[in-house]
Amino acid sequence: MSDDFFVHPSAFVDEGAVIGRGAKIWHFCHVLPGTRIGENCNLGQNVVVGPDVTVGDGCKIQNNVSVYKGVTLEDGVFCGPSMVFTNVYNPRAAIRRMDEARPTLVKRGATLGANCTVVCGVTIGRFAFVGAGSVVTKDVPDHALVYGNPAKTRGWVCECGEKLGADSRCGACGKICGAAVEHRNAR
């Protein structure tokens, strides 16, 4: 155990995992070998990460989330309670397909709402927001607000997480989101 991070006594961190300074790993978690957890991350109860997963700095992974091999979380990603990552597109119990795992990338600052499912092989853009219960089957652009089954773009969000107005300006912090302007103009 290191003084640089906290691991609850009921959690397991396997040899070969790297845990960043200020990280907190709570009850019944398991961090598998080859995994890197960044600085100041918070893994809630019953989180499994790895093997060979990278979690960036400042990520929050809420209770009951499994981050499987093939998933990369950049800095500042929020994974809501019980959200799901898949890693094999067409799994079968009788056919070993772990060598067919499709990579999933969640870019900086994205939010994945509670109980959403992210199908493997997609990229979630920077500061995108996936609504609770959604099923993501395609790439999500930067700053997009997506929800539904399948998830579709329903609007745009600021870095601070607030929905943007029609002028791509945030009513909370006043910023204009260039990515939202570009996507709106491309339509």
N, C-alpha and C. Protein backbone atom coordinates (compact mmCIF):
# COMPACT_ATOMS: atom_id res chain seq x y z
N MET A 1 0.86 -1.19 0.00
CA MET A 1 0.00 0.00 0.00
C MET A 1 0.89 1.23 0.00
N SER A 2 0.50 2.22 -0.75
CA SER A 2 1.27 3.45 -0.85
C SER A 2 0.56 4.58 -0.11
N ASP A 3 1.32 5.52 0.37
CA ASP A 3 0.73 6.71 0.98
C ASP A 3 0.24 7.69 -0.08
N ASP A 4 0.59 7.43 -1.35
CA ASP A 4 0.22 8.34 -2.44
C ASP A 4 -1.21 8.16 -2.92
N PHE A 5 -1.83 7.00 -2.61
CA PHE A 5 -3.20 6.73 -3.04
C PHE A 5 -3.87 5.85 -1.99
N PHE A 6 -5.21 5.72 -2.10
CA PHE A 6 -5.97 4.94 -1.12
C PHE A 6 -6.59 3.72 -1.80
N VAL A 7 -6.43 2.57 -1.18
CA VAL A 7 -7.10 1.34 -1.63
C VAL A 7 -7.82 0.76 -0.41
N HIS A 8 -9.13 0.63 -0.52
CA HIS A 8 -9.90 0.04 0.58
C HIS A 8 -9.42 -1.40 0.83
N PRO A 9 -9.44 -1.86 2.08
CA PRO A 9 -8.97 -3.22 2.39
C PRO A 9 -9.70 -4.34 1.64
N SER A 10 -10.94 -4.09 1.20
CA SER A 10 -11.67 -5.13 0.48
C SER A 10 -11.38 -5.13 -1.03
N ALA A 11 -10.59 -4.18 -1.50
CA ALA A 11 -10.27 -4.09 -2.93
C ALA A 11 -8.98 -4.85 -3.23
N PHE A 12 -8.83 -5.25 -4.50
CA PHE A 12 -7.62 -5.93 -4.96
C PHE A 12 -6.98 -5.09 -6.07
N VAL A 13 -5.70 -4.85 -5.93
CA VAL A 13 -4.91 -4.23 -6.99
C VAL A 13 -3.82 -5.24 -7.34
N ASP A 14 -3.91 -5.80 -8.54
CA ASP A 14 -2.96 -6.84 -8.94
C ASP A 14 -1.58 -6.26 -9.22
N GLU A 15 -0.57 -7.11 -9.01
CA GLU A 15 0.80 -6.73 -9.33
C GLU A 15 0.87 -6.35 -10.81
N GLY A 16 1.58 -5.28 -11.09
CA GLY A 16 1.70 -4.82 -12.47
C GLY A 16 0.72 -3.71 -12.81
N ALA A 17 -0.18 -3.39 -11.91
CA ALA A 17 -1.07 -2.23 -12.11
C ALA A 17 -0.35 -1.00 -11.56
N VAL A 18 -0.60 0.15 -12.19
CA VAL A 18 0.02 1.40 -11.75
C VAL A 18 -1.10 2.34 -11.32
N ILE A 19 -0.99 2.84 -10.10
CA ILE A 19 -2.02 3.71 -9.53
C ILE A 19 -1.42 5.09 -9.29
N GLY A 20 -2.09 6.13 -9.81
CA GLY A 20 -1.59 7.49 -9.69
C GLY A 20 -1.82 8.09 -8.31
N ARG A 21 -1.05 9.10 -8.03
CA ARG A 21 -1.12 9.85 -6.77
C ARG A 21 -2.53 10.42 -6.57
N GLY A 22 -3.04 10.28 -5.37
CA GLY A 22 -4.34 10.84 -5.02
C GLY A 22 -5.54 10.01 -5.45
N ALA A 23 -5.30 8.87 -6.09
CA ALA A 23 -6.41 8.00 -6.51
C ALA A 23 -7.06 7.36 -5.29
N LYS A 24 -8.36 7.07 -5.41
CA LYS A 24 -9.11 6.38 -4.37
C LYS A 24 -9.82 5.19 -5.01
N ILE A 25 -9.59 4.01 -4.44
CA ILE A 25 -10.16 2.77 -4.95
C ILE A 25 -10.97 2.17 -3.80
N TRP A 26 -12.29 2.15 -3.96
CA TRP A 26 -13.19 1.84 -2.85
C TRP A 26 -13.56 0.36 -2.78
N HIS A 27 -14.55 0.04 -1.97
CA HIS A 27 -14.96 -1.31 -1.60
C HIS A 27 -15.13 -2.23 -2.82
N PHE A 28 -14.57 -3.43 -2.70
CA PHE A 28 -14.79 -4.55 -3.61
C PHE A 28 -14.35 -4.27 -5.05
N CYS A 29 -13.42 -3.36 -5.25
CA CYS A 29 -12.89 -3.10 -6.60
C CYS A 29 -11.80 -4.11 -6.93
N HIS A 30 -11.54 -4.24 -8.24
CA HIS A 30 -10.44 -5.08 -8.70
C HIS A 30 -9.76 -4.37 -9.86
N VAL A 31 -8.48 -4.08 -9.71
CA VAL A 31 -7.68 -3.48 -10.77
C VAL A 31 -6.70 -4.55 -11.23
N LEU A 32 -6.82 -4.94 -12.52
CA LEU A 32 -6.05 -6.06 -13.06
C LEU A 32 -4.68 -5.63 -13.58
N PRO A 33 -3.81 -6.59 -13.85
CA PRO A 33 -2.43 -6.29 -14.27
C PRO A 33 -2.39 -5.47 -15.56
N GLY A 34 -1.35 -4.66 -15.68
CA GLY A 34 -1.14 -3.88 -16.88
C GLY A 34 -2.01 -2.64 -16.98
N THR A 35 -2.82 -2.41 -15.98
CA THR A 35 -3.73 -1.27 -15.99
C THR A 35 -3.04 -0.06 -15.37
N ARG A 36 -3.33 1.11 -15.94
CA ARG A 36 -2.83 2.36 -15.39
C ARG A 36 -4.01 3.22 -14.98
N ILE A 37 -4.09 3.55 -13.70
CA ILE A 37 -5.10 4.46 -13.17
C ILE A 37 -4.40 5.79 -12.93
N GLY A 38 -4.91 6.87 -13.50
CA GLY A 38 -4.27 8.17 -13.40
C GLY A 38 -4.38 8.80 -12.02
N GLU A 39 -3.81 9.97 -11.90
CA GLU A 39 -3.84 10.71 -10.65
C GLU A 39 -5.25 11.22 -10.34
N ASN A 40 -5.56 11.26 -9.05
CA ASN A 40 -6.81 11.84 -8.55
C ASN A 40 -8.06 11.20 -9.15
N CYS A 41 -8.00 9.92 -9.45
CA CYS A 41 -9.18 9.19 -9.91
C CYS A 41 -9.95 8.65 -8.71
N ASN A 42 -11.23 8.40 -8.93
CA ASN A 42 -12.07 7.84 -7.88
C ASN A 42 -12.83 6.66 -8.47
N LEU A 43 -12.57 5.46 -7.96
CA LEU A 43 -13.26 4.25 -8.39
C LEU A 43 -14.24 3.87 -7.29
N GLY A 44 -15.53 3.95 -7.58
CA GLY A 44 -16.56 3.63 -6.61
C GLY A 44 -16.63 2.14 -6.32
N GLN A 45 -17.56 1.78 -5.49
CA GLN A 45 -17.73 0.39 -5.06
C GLN A 45 -17.96 -0.54 -6.23
N ASN A 46 -17.31 -1.72 -6.19
CA ASN A 46 -17.55 -2.80 -7.14
C ASN A 46 -17.15 -2.44 -8.57
N VAL A 47 -16.07 -1.71 -8.74
CA VAL A 47 -15.55 -1.37 -10.06
C VAL A 47 -14.44 -2.35 -10.42
N VAL A 48 -14.46 -2.83 -11.68
CA VAL A 48 -13.40 -3.70 -12.19
C VAL A 48 -12.76 -2.98 -13.36
N VAL A 49 -11.41 -2.91 -13.36
CA VAL A 49 -10.69 -2.23 -14.44
C VAL A 49 -9.58 -3.13 -14.94
N GLY A 50 -9.61 -3.41 -16.26
CA GLY A 50 -8.52 -4.12 -16.90
C GLY A 50 -8.86 -5.53 -17.28
N PRO A 51 -7.84 -6.20 -17.75
CA PRO A 51 -6.43 -5.85 -17.76
C PRO A 51 -6.08 -4.88 -18.89
N ASP A 52 -4.90 -4.29 -18.77
CA ASP A 52 -4.32 -3.46 -19.84
C ASP A 52 -5.21 -2.28 -20.25
N VAL A 53 -5.82 -1.63 -19.28
CA VAL A 53 -6.67 -0.47 -19.54
C VAL A 53 -5.93 0.78 -19.07
N THR A 54 -6.15 1.89 -19.76
CA THR A 54 -5.61 3.17 -19.32
C THR A 54 -6.77 4.07 -18.90
N VAL A 55 -6.71 4.57 -17.68
CA VAL A 55 -7.67 5.54 -17.15
C VAL A 55 -6.89 6.81 -16.89
N GLY A 56 -7.28 7.90 -17.55
CA GLY A 56 -6.57 9.17 -17.42
C GLY A 56 -6.73 9.80 -16.05
N ASP A 57 -6.08 10.92 -15.87
CA ASP A 57 -6.14 11.65 -14.61
C ASP A 57 -7.54 12.22 -14.37
N GLY A 58 -7.94 12.26 -13.10
CA GLY A 58 -9.17 12.93 -12.71
C GLY A 58 -10.45 12.26 -13.16
N CYS A 59 -10.42 10.97 -13.46
CA CYS A 59 -11.64 10.26 -13.87
C CYS A 59 -12.43 9.82 -12.65
N LYS A 60 -13.75 9.76 -12.82
CA LYS A 60 -14.63 9.24 -11.77
C LYS A 60 -15.42 8.09 -12.38
N ILE A 61 -15.23 6.92 -11.80
CA ILE A 61 -15.93 5.72 -12.25
C ILE A 61 -16.83 5.31 -11.10
N GLN A 62 -18.12 5.46 -11.29
CA GLN A 62 -19.08 5.22 -10.22
C GLN A 62 -19.31 3.73 -10.01
N ASN A 63 -20.11 3.39 -9.01
CA ASN A 63 -20.35 2.01 -8.59
C ASN A 63 -20.79 1.11 -9.74
N ASN A 64 -20.31 -0.14 -9.69
CA ASN A 64 -20.76 -1.23 -10.55
C ASN A 64 -20.42 -1.04 -12.02
N VAL A 65 -19.26 -0.49 -12.32
CA VAL A 65 -18.82 -0.32 -13.70
C VAL A 65 -17.62 -1.23 -13.93
N SER A 66 -17.60 -1.91 -15.10
CA SER A 66 -16.45 -2.70 -15.52
C SER A 66 -15.85 -2.04 -16.75
N VAL A 67 -14.56 -1.72 -16.66
CA VAL A 67 -13.85 -1.09 -17.76
C VAL A 67 -12.93 -2.17 -18.34
N TYR A 68 -13.35 -2.76 -19.45
CA TYR A 68 -12.69 -3.93 -20.00
C TYR A 68 -11.50 -3.59 -20.88
N LYS A 69 -10.66 -4.60 -21.11
CA LYS A 69 -9.54 -4.49 -22.04
C LYS A 69 -10.06 -3.93 -23.36
N GLY A 70 -9.32 -2.98 -23.90
CA GLY A 70 -9.73 -2.33 -25.14
C GLY A 70 -10.33 -0.96 -24.93
N VAL A 71 -10.67 -0.62 -23.68
CA VAL A 71 -11.26 0.68 -23.38
C VAL A 71 -10.15 1.62 -22.89
N THR A 72 -10.15 2.84 -23.41
CA THR A 72 -9.26 3.89 -22.94
C THR A 72 -10.10 5.08 -22.52
N LEU A 73 -9.88 5.55 -21.30
CA LEU A 73 -10.53 6.76 -20.80
C LEU A 73 -9.48 7.85 -20.72
N GLU A 74 -9.69 8.95 -21.44
CA GLU A 74 -8.79 10.08 -21.31
C GLU A 74 -9.08 10.83 -20.01
N ASP A 75 -8.37 11.92 -19.77
CA ASP A 75 -8.52 12.68 -18.53
C ASP A 75 -9.94 13.20 -18.33
N GLY A 76 -10.38 13.19 -17.07
CA GLY A 76 -11.62 13.84 -16.69
C GLY A 76 -12.90 13.18 -17.16
N VAL A 77 -12.87 11.90 -17.44
CA VAL A 77 -14.07 11.18 -17.89
C VAL A 77 -14.90 10.78 -16.67
N PHE A 78 -16.23 10.92 -16.79
CA PHE A 78 -17.17 10.50 -15.75
C PHE A 78 -17.96 9.31 -16.27
N CYS A 79 -17.90 8.19 -15.56
CA CYS A 79 -18.68 6.99 -15.88
C CYS A 79 -19.74 6.83 -14.80
N GLY A 80 -21.01 7.01 -15.17
CA GLY A 80 -22.10 6.95 -14.21
C GLY A 80 -22.33 5.55 -13.67
N PRO A 81 -23.10 5.46 -12.59
CA PRO A 81 -23.34 4.16 -11.95
C PRO A 81 -23.92 3.13 -12.91
N SER A 82 -23.35 1.95 -12.87
CA SER A 82 -23.84 0.78 -13.61
C SER A 82 -23.84 0.96 -15.12
N MET A 83 -23.06 1.91 -15.65
CA MET A 83 -22.96 2.00 -17.11
C MET A 83 -22.13 0.81 -17.59
N VAL A 84 -22.25 0.49 -18.88
CA VAL A 84 -21.66 -0.74 -19.41
C VAL A 84 -20.80 -0.45 -20.63
N PHE A 85 -19.59 -1.01 -20.63
CA PHE A 85 -18.76 -1.09 -21.83
C PHE A 85 -18.82 -2.52 -22.34
N THR A 86 -18.95 -2.69 -23.64
CA THR A 86 -18.76 -4.03 -24.21
C THR A 86 -17.38 -4.05 -24.84
N ASN A 87 -16.85 -5.25 -25.11
CA ASN A 87 -15.54 -5.29 -25.75
C ASN A 87 -15.47 -6.26 -26.93
N VAL A 88 -16.43 -7.12 -27.07
CA VAL A 88 -16.51 -8.01 -28.22
C VAL A 88 -17.86 -7.78 -28.87
N TYR A 89 -17.87 -7.57 -30.18
CA TYR A 89 -19.08 -7.18 -30.89
C TYR A 89 -20.13 -8.29 -30.95
N ASN A 90 -19.70 -9.52 -31.15
CA ASN A 90 -20.66 -10.63 -31.29
C ASN A 90 -20.26 -11.82 -30.42
N PRO A 91 -20.35 -11.67 -29.10
CA PRO A 91 -19.88 -12.72 -28.19
C PRO A 91 -20.72 -13.98 -28.22
N ARG A 92 -20.06 -15.09 -28.00
CA ARG A 92 -20.70 -16.39 -27.80
C ARG A 92 -19.95 -17.09 -26.68
N ALA A 93 -20.67 -17.75 -25.80
CA ALA A 93 -20.03 -18.44 -24.69
C ALA A 93 -19.11 -19.55 -25.18
N ALA A 94 -19.48 -20.24 -26.25
CA ALA A 94 -18.72 -21.40 -26.71
C ALA A 94 -17.59 -21.04 -27.68
N ILE A 95 -17.48 -19.76 -28.06
CA ILE A 95 -16.44 -19.35 -29.02
C ILE A 95 -15.58 -18.27 -28.37
N ARG A 96 -14.28 -18.55 -28.25
CA ARG A 96 -13.36 -17.57 -27.65
C ARG A 96 -13.10 -16.46 -28.66
N ARG A 97 -13.41 -15.22 -28.26
CA ARG A 97 -13.23 -14.09 -29.17
C ARG A 97 -12.49 -12.92 -28.52
N MET A 98 -11.81 -13.15 -27.42
CA MET A 98 -11.12 -12.04 -26.76
C MET A 98 -10.05 -11.41 -27.64
N ASP A 99 -9.52 -12.16 -28.61
CA ASP A 99 -8.55 -11.57 -29.53
C ASP A 99 -9.24 -10.70 -30.59
N GLU A 100 -10.58 -10.64 -30.55
CA GLU A 100 -11.35 -9.80 -31.46
C GLU A 100 -11.90 -8.55 -30.76
N ALA A 101 -11.41 -8.27 -29.57
CA ALA A 101 -11.90 -7.09 -28.83
C ALA A 101 -11.70 -5.84 -29.67
N ARG A 102 -12.72 -5.00 -29.73
CA ARG A 102 -12.66 -3.76 -30.49
C ARG A 102 -12.36 -2.61 -29.54
N PRO A 103 -11.41 -1.75 -29.90
CA PRO A 103 -11.05 -0.65 -28.99
C PRO A 103 -12.14 0.40 -28.89
N THR A 104 -12.30 0.93 -27.70
CA THR A 104 -13.26 2.00 -27.42
C THR A 104 -12.48 3.15 -26.78
N LEU A 105 -12.68 4.35 -27.30
CA LEU A 105 -11.98 5.52 -26.78
C LEU A 105 -13.01 6.52 -26.27
N VAL A 106 -12.83 6.94 -25.01
CA VAL A 106 -13.66 7.99 -24.43
C VAL A 106 -12.74 9.18 -24.20
N LYS A 107 -12.99 10.25 -24.94
CA LYS A 107 -12.08 11.39 -24.92
C LYS A 107 -12.30 12.29 -23.71
N ARG A 108 -11.37 13.18 -23.54
CA ARG A 108 -11.28 14.07 -22.37
C ARG A 108 -12.60 14.76 -22.03
N GLY A 109 -12.97 14.66 -20.76
CA GLY A 109 -14.09 15.41 -20.23
C GLY A 109 -15.47 14.85 -20.54
N ALA A 110 -15.56 13.71 -21.21
CA ALA A 110 -16.87 13.14 -21.58
C ALA A 110 -17.59 12.60 -20.35
N THR A 111 -18.93 12.61 -20.42
CA THR A 111 -19.78 12.05 -19.38
C THR A 111 -20.60 10.91 -19.96
N LEU A 112 -20.58 9.77 -19.28
CA LEU A 112 -21.38 8.60 -19.67
C LEU A 112 -22.39 8.38 -18.56
N GLY A 113 -23.66 8.65 -18.85
CA GLY A 113 -24.70 8.61 -17.83
C GLY A 113 -24.98 7.23 -17.27
N ALA A 114 -25.65 7.21 -16.14
CA ALA A 114 -25.99 5.97 -15.44
C ALA A 114 -26.71 5.01 -16.37
N ASN A 115 -26.33 3.75 -16.30
CA ASN A 115 -26.99 2.65 -17.03
C ASN A 115 -26.91 2.76 -18.54
N CYS A 116 -26.07 3.64 -19.08
CA CYS A 116 -25.91 3.64 -20.54
C CYS A 116 -25.03 2.47 -20.94
N THR A 117 -25.11 2.09 -22.21
CA THR A 117 -24.27 1.03 -22.76
C THR A 117 -23.49 1.60 -23.93
N VAL A 118 -22.18 1.37 -23.93
CA VAL A 118 -21.32 1.81 -25.01
C VAL A 118 -20.83 0.56 -25.73
N VAL A 119 -21.32 0.37 -26.97
CA VAL A 119 -20.93 -0.79 -27.76
C VAL A 119 -19.49 -0.60 -28.23
N CYS A 120 -18.71 -1.66 -28.17
CA CYS A 120 -17.29 -1.56 -28.47
C CYS A 120 -17.03 -1.05 -29.88
N GLY A 121 -15.86 -0.40 -30.02
CA GLY A 121 -15.44 0.09 -31.32
C GLY A 121 -15.79 1.53 -31.61
N VAL A 122 -16.44 2.21 -30.66
CA VAL A 122 -16.83 3.60 -30.90
C VAL A 122 -15.87 4.55 -30.18
N THR A 123 -15.94 5.81 -30.60
CA THR A 123 -15.22 6.88 -29.93
C THR A 123 -16.24 7.89 -29.43
N ILE A 124 -16.13 8.24 -28.16
CA ILE A 124 -16.96 9.28 -27.55
C ILE A 124 -16.10 10.54 -27.53
N GLY A 125 -16.59 11.61 -28.15
CA GLY A 125 -15.82 12.84 -28.31
C GLY A 125 -15.59 13.61 -27.02
N ARG A 126 -14.70 14.59 -27.11
CA ARG A 126 -14.36 15.44 -25.98
C ARG A 126 -15.60 16.17 -25.47
N PHE A 127 -15.78 16.13 -24.18
CA PHE A 127 -16.87 16.82 -23.47
C PHE A 127 -18.27 16.43 -23.97
N ALA A 128 -18.37 15.30 -24.65
CA ALA A 128 -19.69 14.80 -25.04
C ALA A 128 -20.44 14.36 -23.79
N PHE A 129 -21.76 14.24 -23.93
CA PHE A 129 -22.61 13.85 -22.80
C PHE A 129 -23.58 12.79 -23.28
N VAL A 130 -23.46 11.58 -22.74
CA VAL A 130 -24.34 10.46 -23.08
C VAL A 130 -25.38 10.35 -21.98
N GLY A 131 -26.65 10.49 -22.34
CA GLY A 131 -27.72 10.45 -21.35
C GLY A 131 -27.90 9.09 -20.71
N ALA A 132 -28.44 9.10 -19.51
CA ALA A 132 -28.69 7.87 -18.76
C ALA A 132 -29.55 6.90 -19.56
N GLY A 133 -29.18 5.64 -19.53
CA GLY A 133 -29.95 4.59 -20.18
C GLY A 133 -29.78 4.49 -21.69
N SER A 134 -28.95 5.31 -22.27
CA SER A 134 -28.76 5.31 -23.73
C SER A 134 -27.93 4.11 -24.18
N VAL A 135 -28.05 3.77 -25.48
CA VAL A 135 -27.24 2.73 -26.08
C VAL A 135 -26.46 3.37 -27.22
N VAL A 136 -25.14 3.48 -27.04
CA VAL A 136 -24.28 4.14 -28.02
C VAL A 136 -23.75 3.09 -28.99
N THR A 137 -24.13 3.21 -30.27
CA THR A 137 -23.71 2.26 -31.29
C THR A 137 -22.81 2.88 -32.35
N LYS A 138 -22.66 4.22 -32.31
CA LYS A 138 -21.84 4.94 -33.29
C LYS A 138 -21.00 5.98 -32.58
N ASP A 139 -19.97 6.47 -33.27
CA ASP A 139 -19.13 7.53 -32.71
C ASP A 139 -19.99 8.73 -32.32
N VAL A 140 -19.56 9.40 -31.26
CA VAL A 140 -20.24 10.59 -30.75
C VAL A 140 -19.31 11.78 -30.93
N PRO A 141 -19.76 12.86 -31.61
CA PRO A 141 -18.88 14.02 -31.82
C PRO A 141 -18.56 14.76 -30.52
N ASP A 142 -17.48 15.55 -30.58
CA ASP A 142 -17.14 16.43 -29.46
C ASP A 142 -18.34 17.29 -29.08
N HIS A 143 -18.58 17.43 -27.79
CA HIS A 143 -19.61 18.31 -27.21
C HIS A 143 -21.05 17.90 -27.54
N ALA A 144 -21.25 16.74 -28.16
CA ALA A 144 -22.62 16.32 -28.49
C ALA A 144 -23.36 15.83 -27.25
N LEU A 145 -24.64 16.13 -27.19
CA LEU A 145 -25.55 15.56 -26.20
C LEU A 145 -26.31 14.48 -26.93
N VAL A 146 -26.11 13.22 -26.51
CA VAL A 146 -26.79 12.11 -27.16
C VAL A 146 -27.60 11.34 -26.13
N TYR A 147 -28.75 10.83 -26.58
CA TYR A 147 -29.51 9.93 -25.73
C TYR A 147 -30.48 9.15 -26.59
N GLY A 148 -31.03 8.08 -25.99
CA GLY A 148 -31.98 7.21 -26.67
C GLY A 148 -31.36 5.86 -27.00
N ASN A 149 -32.19 5.03 -27.66
CA ASN A 149 -31.77 3.69 -28.08
C ASN A 149 -32.21 3.48 -29.53
N PRO A 150 -31.28 3.62 -30.48
CA PRO A 150 -29.87 3.97 -30.30
C PRO A 150 -29.72 5.45 -29.99
N ALA A 151 -28.59 5.80 -29.37
CA ALA A 151 -28.33 7.19 -29.01
C ALA A 151 -28.17 8.04 -30.27
N LYS A 152 -28.82 9.20 -30.26
CA LYS A 152 -28.74 10.16 -31.37
C LYS A 152 -28.42 11.53 -30.80
N THR A 153 -27.77 12.35 -31.63
CA THR A 153 -27.44 13.70 -31.20
C THR A 153 -28.73 14.50 -31.05
N ARG A 154 -28.92 15.08 -29.85
CA ARG A 154 -30.13 15.84 -29.52
C ARG A 154 -29.82 17.28 -29.17
N GLY A 155 -28.53 17.62 -29.14
CA GLY A 155 -28.10 18.96 -28.78
C GLY A 155 -26.61 18.97 -28.55
N TRP A 156 -26.14 20.05 -27.90
CA TRP A 156 -24.71 20.26 -27.68
C TRP A 156 -24.51 20.74 -26.26
N VAL A 157 -23.36 20.38 -25.68
CA VAL A 157 -23.08 20.76 -24.29
C VAL A 157 -21.72 21.46 -24.19
N CYS A 158 -21.63 22.32 -23.21
CA CYS A 158 -20.41 23.07 -22.90
C CYS A 158 -19.45 22.17 -22.12
N GLU A 159 -18.21 22.62 -21.99
CA GLU A 159 -17.24 21.92 -21.15
C GLU A 159 -17.75 21.82 -19.71
N CYS A 160 -18.57 22.77 -19.28
CA CYS A 160 -19.08 22.74 -17.90
C CYS A 160 -20.28 21.80 -17.75
N GLY A 161 -20.74 21.19 -18.85
CA GLY A 161 -21.80 20.19 -18.79
C GLY A 161 -23.20 20.72 -19.04
N GLU A 162 -23.35 22.02 -19.24
CA GLU A 162 -24.67 22.62 -19.48
C GLU A 162 -25.01 22.57 -20.97
N LYS A 163 -26.28 22.42 -21.26
CA LYS A 163 -26.74 22.41 -22.64
C LYS A 163 -26.56 23.79 -23.26
N LEU A 164 -26.10 23.82 -24.50
CA LEU A 164 -25.84 25.07 -25.20
C LEU A 164 -27.11 25.60 -25.85
N GLY A 165 -27.21 26.92 -25.95
CA GLY A 165 -28.33 27.55 -26.64
C GLY A 165 -28.16 27.45 -28.16
N ALA A 166 -29.13 27.96 -28.90
CA ALA A 166 -29.10 27.90 -30.36
C ALA A 166 -27.90 28.64 -30.94
N ASP A 167 -27.35 29.60 -30.21
CA ASP A 167 -26.18 30.35 -30.66
C ASP A 167 -24.87 29.69 -30.23
N SER A 168 -24.95 28.47 -29.69
CA SER A 168 -23.80 27.70 -29.19
C SER A 168 -23.12 28.36 -27.99
N ARG A 169 -23.84 29.24 -27.32
CA ARG A 169 -23.33 29.90 -26.11
C ARG A 169 -23.92 29.19 -24.88
N CYS A 170 -23.06 29.05 -23.88
CA CYS A 170 -23.49 28.42 -22.63
C CYS A 170 -24.14 29.47 -21.74
N GLY A 171 -25.34 29.19 -21.28
CA GLY A 171 -26.04 30.10 -20.39
C GLY A 171 -25.44 30.14 -18.99
N ALA A 172 -24.68 29.10 -18.63
CA ALA A 172 -24.09 29.05 -17.28
C ALA A 172 -22.76 29.79 -17.20
N CYS A 173 -21.85 29.53 -18.14
CA CYS A 173 -20.51 30.12 -18.04
C CYS A 173 -20.22 31.15 -19.13
N GLY A 174 -21.10 31.24 -20.14
CA GLY A 174 -20.96 32.24 -21.18
C GLY A 174 -20.06 31.89 -22.34
N LYS A 175 -19.38 30.73 -22.27
CA LYS A 175 -18.48 30.34 -23.36
C LYS A 175 -19.28 30.01 -24.62
N ILE A 176 -18.65 30.25 -25.77
CA ILE A 176 -19.18 29.79 -27.05
C ILE A 176 -18.38 28.56 -27.43
N CYS A 177 -19.08 27.49 -27.79
CA CYS A 177 -18.44 26.22 -28.10
C CYS A 177 -18.19 26.13 -29.60
N GLY A 178 -16.93 26.24 -30.00
CA GLY A 178 -16.57 26.18 -31.40
C GLY A 178 -16.93 24.86 -32.05
N ALA A 179 -16.79 23.75 -31.34
CA ALA A 179 -17.12 22.44 -31.91
C ALA A 179 -18.60 22.36 -32.25
N ALA A 180 -19.46 22.90 -31.40
CA ALA A 180 -20.90 22.90 -31.67
C ALA A 180 -21.22 23.75 -32.88
N VAL A 181 -20.57 24.91 -33.00
CA VAL A 181 -20.79 25.78 -34.16
C VAL A 181 -20.41 25.04 -35.43
N GLU A 182 -19.24 24.37 -35.43
CA GLU A 182 -18.78 23.63 -36.62
C GLU A 182 -19.77 22.54 -37.00
N HIS A 183 -20.25 21.75 -36.01
CA HIS A 183 -21.18 20.67 -36.31
C HIS A 183 -22.51 21.21 -36.84
N ARG A 184 -23.00 22.29 -36.26
CA ARG A 184 -24.26 22.89 -36.73
C ARG A 184 -24.11 23.41 -38.15
N ASN A 185 -22.98 24.03 -38.46
CA ASN A 185 -22.76 24.58 -39.79
C ASN A 185 -22.55 23.49 -40.84
N ALA A 186 -22.11 22.31 -40.42
CA ALA A 186 -21.86 21.20 -41.35
C ALA A 186 -23.15 20.53 -41.81
N ARG A 187 -24.24 20.78 -41.13
CA ARG A 187 -25.51 20.12 -41.49
C ARG A 187 -26.11 20.66 -42.73
